[in-house]
Amino acid sequence: MAEKPTYEELEQRVRALEKEALERKRADDALLESTRRLRVAYDQSIIYAQELGEQISERKRGEKELQKARDALEKQVDRPTAELKQEIAERRQAEEGLRESEVRLKTVLDTIQAGIVVIDPESHIIVGVNAAAGKMVGAPRDQILGSVCHKYICPAETGQCPTTDLGQNLDNAEEVLLTASGERVPVLKTVVSVILAGREHLLESFLDITERKRAEETLRESEKRMYRHQKRMEILKFTNDIALNLMHELRNPLVAIGGFSKLISSRDYPEDKLKEYSKIILEQSMRLDNAVNEVLIHLKAAAEQL
């Protein structure tokens, strides 16, 4: 039978429970803060993704206009020198504007906290990647560009693309990103279709949620520890109650057995009285044995739970 815990032991257990509750609250706060930061970063990535599509479309339009200007310039080589110089100046201005657009586009991509890749939906070849995505994948940009996304940054097999083959809508969905070292990183992923250079492309944005997953795991472990402590306290109270009940159940049979034993030993009684007293002693002994067996059954069940 387990000994009744001392006041100091109970006080230590209470302090342990309070500590677990405090750790759980800290984990909850960390999880809420992580979720808030992820939401802010996600909103920024959507805005930057839209700006990215507009910037790329503007760049392509500029390239077409520049090509038209070059073609027209070649056909008009016989035009007056002054007019030719004007067209050359306009051409240079268009090229400068195109370079500035490329710089702005690169700046936008490299300042986004979320990883962004642009994928050709037909070949699944990666045609665009920003700095954040390269850092998360763990490979230089030149190595990522031109690679097929299957089994490289996405764990899906060829022909099993969640977006193009299975028709899934990935909007702020929890997925896995494969790194260059083969590590699987949990991410919050969104895939949208954009038109670039007159062709459809897939623009994927993803946020690393490793810290969020760790916070969730810490919270789950804290809840498990709290549950185990609670069960131990319940079992401890249960065994204490059993001990008190046992003392009560044993007291009456022991008093009866002791009393009638003294009567029998104190003087000679007729045979019928001796049989009556002996019967009472036997009944009380059986009652005592049943009470002990019942307590043992309860204690065995409590030990199995522990």
Protein backbone atom coordinates (compact mmCIF):
# COMPACT_ATOMS: atom_id res chain seq x y z
CA MET A 1 0.00 0.00 0.00
CA ALA A 2 1.34 3.41 -1.02
CA GLU A 3 2.27 5.74 1.83
CA LYS A 4 0.30 8.94 2.19
CA PRO A 5 2.41 11.79 0.74
CA THR A 6 3.68 14.42 3.09
CA TYR A 7 2.63 18.04 2.92
CA GLU A 8 6.02 18.96 1.43
CA GLU A 9 5.60 16.36 -1.35
CA LEU A 10 2.11 17.61 -2.18
CA GLU A 11 3.39 21.20 -2.19
CA GLN A 12 6.23 20.20 -4.59
CA ARG A 13 3.73 18.57 -6.92
CA VAL A 14 1.52 21.65 -6.87
CA ARG A 15 4.54 23.81 -7.74
CA ALA A 16 5.38 21.41 -10.59
CA LEU A 17 1.82 21.74 -11.93
CA GLU A 18 2.02 25.54 -11.69
CA LYS A 19 5.34 25.45 -13.59
CA GLU A 20 3.80 23.25 -16.30
CA ALA A 21 0.83 25.64 -16.58
CA LEU A 22 3.24 28.59 -16.95
CA GLU A 23 5.22 26.75 -19.66
CA ARG A 24 2.00 25.95 -21.45
CA LYS A 25 0.90 29.62 -21.35
CA ARG A 26 4.30 30.69 -22.72
CA ALA A 27 3.99 28.11 -25.51
CA ASP A 28 0.47 29.40 -26.29
CA ASP A 29 1.76 32.99 -26.43
CA ALA A 30 4.67 31.95 -28.68
CA LEU A 31 2.28 30.09 -30.97
CA LEU A 32 -0.04 33.10 -31.23
CA GLU A 33 2.87 35.45 -31.96
CA SER A 34 4.29 33.03 -34.58
CA THR A 35 0.87 32.80 -36.26
CA ARG A 36 0.57 36.61 -36.31
CA ARG A 37 4.01 37.00 -37.91
CA LEU A 38 3.23 34.33 -40.46
CA ARG A 39 -0.03 36.05 -41.38
CA VAL A 40 1.72 39.41 -41.85
CA ALA A 41 4.45 37.82 -43.97
CA TYR A 42 1.84 35.91 -45.97
CA ASP A 43 -0.16 39.09 -46.71
CA GLN A 44 3.05 40.82 -47.83
CA SER A 45 3.96 37.89 -50.08
CA ILE A 46 0.56 38.03 -51.84
CA ILE A 47 0.94 41.78 -52.46
CA TYR A 48 4.52 41.34 -53.73
CA ALA A 49 3.41 38.40 -55.89
CA GLN A 50 0.82 40.57 -57.60
CA GLU A 51 3.38 43.33 -58.10
CA LEU A 52 5.78 40.71 -59.46
CA GLY A 53 3.27 39.65 -62.12
CA GLU A 54 2.67 43.26 -63.12
CA GLN A 55 6.41 44.03 -63.26
CA ILE A 56 7.15 40.98 -65.43
CA SER A 57 4.26 41.79 -67.79
CA GLU A 58 5.50 45.39 -68.03
CA ARG A 59 8.99 44.13 -68.80
CA LYS A 60 7.74 41.89 -71.60
CA ARG A 61 5.71 44.72 -73.11
CA GLY A 62 8.82 46.87 -72.99
CA GLU A 63 10.82 44.19 -74.77
CA LYS A 64 8.22 43.95 -77.54
CA GLU A 65 8.19 47.72 -77.98
CA LEU A 66 12.00 47.74 -78.02
CA GLN A 67 12.08 45.06 -80.71
CA LYS A 68 9.59 47.02 -82.82
CA ALA A 69 11.76 50.10 -82.47
CA ARG A 70 14.83 48.13 -83.56
CA ASP A 71 13.02 46.72 -86.61
CA ALA A 72 11.74 50.14 -87.58
CA LEU A 73 15.21 51.62 -87.10
CA GLU A 74 16.77 49.10 -89.46
CA LYS A 75 14.21 49.94 -92.17
CA GLN A 76 14.76 53.63 -91.85
CA VAL A 77 18.56 53.83 -92.11
CA ASP A 78 18.18 56.23 -95.02
CA ARG A 79 16.18 58.77 -93.05
CA PRO A 80 17.81 62.10 -92.13
CA THR A 81 20.58 62.01 -89.56
CA ALA A 82 18.75 64.23 -87.06
CA GLU A 83 15.71 61.95 -87.09
CA LEU A 84 17.93 58.90 -86.79
CA LYS A 85 19.67 60.34 -83.73
CA GLN A 86 16.28 60.97 -82.14
CA GLU A 87 15.28 57.35 -82.61
CA ILE A 88 18.63 56.17 -81.22
CA ALA A 89 18.06 58.34 -78.16
CA GLU A 90 14.58 56.89 -77.73
CA ARG A 91 15.99 53.40 -78.08
CA ARG A 92 18.58 54.08 -75.41
CA GLN A 93 15.87 55.54 -73.17
CA ALA A 94 13.75 52.40 -73.64
CA GLU A 95 16.71 50.17 -72.82
CA GLU A 96 17.49 52.22 -69.72
CA GLY A 97 13.85 51.98 -68.61
CA LEU A 98 13.97 48.24 -69.14
CA ARG A 99 17.10 47.93 -67.01
CA GLU A 100 15.52 50.03 -64.26
CA SER A 101 12.45 47.81 -64.38
CA GLU A 102 14.67 44.74 -63.98
CA VAL A 103 16.41 46.33 -60.99
CA ARG A 104 13.07 47.19 -59.35
CA LEU A 105 11.78 43.69 -59.99
CA LYS A 106 14.88 42.08 -58.49
CA THR A 107 14.67 44.41 -55.48
CA VAL A 108 11.03 43.46 -54.88
CA LEU A 109 11.80 39.74 -55.13
CA ASP A 110 14.85 39.89 -52.85
CA THR A 111 13.09 41.90 -50.11
CA ILE A 112 10.13 39.53 -49.78
CA GLN A 113 10.46 37.39 -46.67
CA ALA A 114 8.53 34.52 -48.26
CA GLY A 115 10.20 32.17 -50.73
CA ILE A 116 8.92 32.60 -54.29
CA VAL A 117 9.51 30.41 -57.33
CA VAL A 118 8.01 30.64 -60.82
CA ILE A 119 7.36 27.30 -62.55
CA ASP A 120 6.42 26.35 -66.10
CA PRO A 121 3.23 24.27 -65.61
CA GLU A 122 3.90 22.10 -68.66
CA SER A 123 7.51 21.09 -68.05
CA HIS A 124 7.56 21.83 -64.29
CA ILE A 125 10.90 23.57 -64.80
CA ILE A 126 11.77 26.35 -62.35
CA VAL A 127 12.17 29.59 -64.33
CA GLY A 128 12.30 32.11 -61.46
CA VAL A 129 13.45 32.14 -57.83
CA ASN A 130 14.01 34.86 -55.23
CA ALA A 131 16.69 35.11 -52.55
CA ALA A 132 14.45 33.85 -49.75
CA ALA A 133 13.59 30.69 -51.71
CA GLY A 134 17.26 30.05 -52.49
CA LYS A 135 18.14 30.39 -48.82
CA MET A 136 15.38 27.99 -47.77
CA VAL A 137 16.33 25.43 -50.44
CA GLY A 138 20.01 25.80 -49.56
CA ALA A 139 21.31 26.10 -53.13
CA PRO A 140 22.55 28.96 -55.35
CA ARG A 141 20.07 30.58 -57.72
CA ASP A 142 21.84 29.32 -60.85
CA GLN A 143 21.57 25.74 -59.60
CA ILE A 144 17.85 26.03 -58.87
CA LEU A 145 16.93 27.68 -62.19
CA GLY A 146 16.31 25.13 -64.92
CA SER A 147 15.69 22.30 -62.47
CA VAL A 148 12.47 20.28 -62.46
CA CYS A 149 10.51 20.88 -59.27
CA HIS A 150 9.57 17.20 -58.79
CA LYS A 151 11.73 15.50 -56.14
CA TYR A 152 13.83 18.68 -55.95
CA ILE A 153 11.85 21.24 -53.99
CA CYS A 154 8.56 19.31 -54.05
CA PRO A 155 8.29 15.72 -52.71
CA ALA A 156 5.57 14.81 -55.27
CA GLU A 157 6.41 12.22 -57.91
CA THR A 158 6.27 12.99 -61.63
CA GLY A 159 2.65 12.97 -62.77
CA GLN A 160 1.41 13.57 -59.21
CA CYS A 161 1.71 17.36 -59.02
CA PRO A 162 -0.93 18.56 -56.52
CA THR A 163 -1.77 21.59 -58.69
CA THR A 164 -1.49 20.54 -62.36
CA ASP A 165 -2.19 16.78 -62.06
CA LEU A 166 -4.44 16.41 -59.01
CA GLY A 167 -6.25 19.73 -59.35
CA GLN A 168 -5.74 20.75 -55.72
CA ASN A 169 -6.11 24.39 -54.69
CA LEU A 170 -3.15 25.25 -52.47
CA ASP A 171 -4.06 28.41 -50.58
CA ASN A 172 -2.19 28.89 -47.33
CA ALA A 173 -1.85 25.10 -47.08
CA GLU A 174 0.65 23.24 -44.91
CA GLU A 175 3.08 21.42 -47.23
CA VAL A 176 6.70 20.20 -47.25
CA LEU A 177 9.68 21.84 -48.97
CA LEU A 178 12.65 19.68 -49.93
CA THR A 179 16.07 21.27 -49.45
CA ALA A 180 19.24 20.60 -51.40
CA SER A 181 20.45 18.37 -48.53
CA GLY A 182 17.26 16.29 -48.59
CA GLU A 183 15.79 17.82 -45.45
CA ARG A 184 11.99 18.17 -45.31
CA VAL A 185 10.98 21.65 -44.10
CA PRO A 186 7.34 22.36 -43.14
CA VAL A 187 6.00 25.39 -45.02
CA LEU A 188 2.80 27.35 -45.50
CA LYS A 189 2.32 27.28 -49.27
CA THR A 190 0.18 29.16 -51.79
CA VAL A 191 0.11 28.55 -55.55
CA VAL A 192 -1.51 30.99 -58.00
CA SER A 193 -1.62 31.08 -61.79
CA VAL A 194 -0.08 34.15 -63.47
CA ILE A 195 0.44 35.18 -67.09
CA LEU A 196 4.06 35.98 -67.93
CA ALA A 197 5.22 36.76 -71.48
CA GLY A 198 1.82 35.70 -72.75
CA ARG A 199 2.06 32.22 -71.16
CA GLU A 200 0.59 30.74 -68.03
CA HIS A 201 2.99 30.10 -65.15
CA LEU A 202 2.65 28.90 -61.57
CA LEU A 203 3.80 31.35 -58.91
CA GLU A 204 4.50 29.51 -55.66
CA SER A 205 5.07 31.33 -52.39
CA PHE A 206 5.95 29.58 -49.15
CA LEU A 207 6.82 30.47 -45.54
CA ASP A 208 8.96 28.38 -43.19
CA ILE A 209 6.76 27.31 -40.25
CA THR A 210 9.40 25.21 -38.47
CA GLU A 211 9.25 27.39 -35.33
CA ARG A 212 5.47 27.20 -35.34
CA LYS A 213 5.60 23.40 -35.54
CA ARG A 214 8.10 23.31 -32.67
CA ALA A 215 5.82 25.50 -30.57
CA GLU A 216 2.88 23.20 -31.32
CA GLU A 217 4.96 20.14 -30.36
CA THR A 218 6.08 21.86 -27.14
CA LEU A 219 2.46 22.63 -26.35
CA ARG A 220 1.41 19.03 -26.99
CA GLU A 221 4.21 17.71 -24.76
CA SER A 222 3.21 20.17 -22.04
CA GLU A 223 -0.39 18.98 -22.24
CA LYS A 224 0.75 15.37 -21.98
CA ARG A 225 2.85 16.14 -18.89
CA MET A 226 -0.05 18.04 -17.32
CA TYR A 227 -2.34 15.09 -18.01
CA ARG A 228 0.10 12.60 -16.48
CA HIS A 229 0.55 14.76 -13.36
CA GLN A 230 -3.20 15.09 -13.03
CA LYS A 231 -3.69 11.32 -13.32
CA ARG A 232 -0.98 10.71 -10.69
CA MET A 233 -2.69 13.10 -8.29
CA GLU A 234 -6.06 11.46 -8.93
CA ILE A 235 -4.59 7.99 -8.31
CA LEU A 236 -2.82 9.25 -5.18
CA LYS A 237 -6.11 10.62 -3.82
CA PHE A 238 -7.82 7.39 -4.78
CA THR A 239 -5.28 5.28 -2.86
CA ASN A 240 -5.56 7.59 0.15
CA ASP A 241 -9.34 7.17 0.12
CA ILE A 242 -8.93 3.40 -0.11
CA ALA A 243 -6.56 3.45 2.87
CA LEU A 244 -9.09 5.40 4.95
CA ASN A 245 -11.93 3.08 3.96
CA LEU A 246 -9.75 0.07 4.71
CA MET A 247 -9.04 1.36 8.21
CA HIS A 248 -12.78 1.71 8.78
CA GLU A 249 -13.59 -1.72 7.31
CA LEU A 250 -10.86 -3.45 9.34
CA ARG A 251 -11.68 -1.80 12.62
CA ASN A 252 -15.13 -3.36 13.15
CA PRO A 253 -14.12 -6.99 12.36
CA LEU A 254 -10.99 -6.67 14.49
CA VAL A 255 -12.98 -5.32 17.45
CA ALA A 256 -15.49 -8.17 17.12
CA ILE A 257 -12.81 -10.84 16.79
CA GLY A 258 -10.85 -9.44 19.72
CA GLY A 259 -13.92 -9.10 21.94
CA PHE A 260 -15.26 -12.59 21.41
CA SER A 261 -11.77 -14.08 21.70
CA LYS A 262 -11.41 -12.48 25.12
CA LEU A 263 -14.80 -13.83 26.17
CA ILE A 264 -13.87 -17.36 25.14
CA SER A 265 -10.53 -17.18 26.94
CA SER A 266 -11.82 -15.50 30.09
CA ARG A 267 -13.95 -18.42 31.38
CA ASP A 268 -15.64 -21.63 30.43
CA TYR A 269 -18.81 -21.34 28.33
CA PRO A 270 -21.32 -23.94 27.31
CA GLU A 271 -20.67 -25.62 24.01
CA ASP A 272 -23.52 -23.84 22.22
CA LYS A 273 -22.17 -20.44 23.27
CA LEU A 274 -18.66 -21.39 22.18
CA LYS A 275 -20.03 -22.42 18.77
CA GLU A 276 -21.94 -19.12 18.49
CA TYR A 277 -18.89 -17.06 19.42
CA SER A 278 -16.66 -19.08 17.13
CA LYS A 279 -19.10 -18.58 14.27
CA ILE A 280 -19.06 -14.81 14.84
CA ILE A 281 -15.23 -14.81 14.89
CA LEU A 282 -15.17 -16.81 11.63
CA GLU A 283 -17.67 -14.48 9.93
CA GLN A 284 -15.73 -11.41 10.97
CA SER A 285 -12.47 -13.03 9.78
CA MET A 286 -14.06 -13.69 6.37
CA ARG A 287 -15.35 -10.11 6.28
CA LEU A 288 -11.82 -8.92 7.06
CA ASP A 289 -10.37 -11.15 4.31
CA ASN A 290 -12.89 -9.86 1.72
CA ALA A 291 -12.11 -6.24 2.59
CA VAL A 292 -8.37 -6.83 2.18
CA ASN A 293 -8.89 -8.60 -1.18
CA GLU A 294 -11.07 -5.77 -2.48
CA VAL A 295 -8.45 -3.21 -1.53
CA LEU A 296 -5.74 -5.26 -3.23
CA ILE A 297 -7.80 -5.33 -6.44
CA HIS A 298 -8.20 -1.55 -6.43
CA LEU A 299 -4.52 -0.99 -5.67
CA LYS A 300 -3.50 -3.30 -8.52
CA ALA A 301 -5.73 -1.37 -10.96
CA ALA A 302 -4.21 1.92 -9.77
CA ALA A 303 -0.67 0.53 -10.18
CA GLU A 304 -1.47 -0.53 -13.77
CA GLN A 305 -2.63 3.00 -14.56
CA LEU A 306 0.66 4.39 -13.26
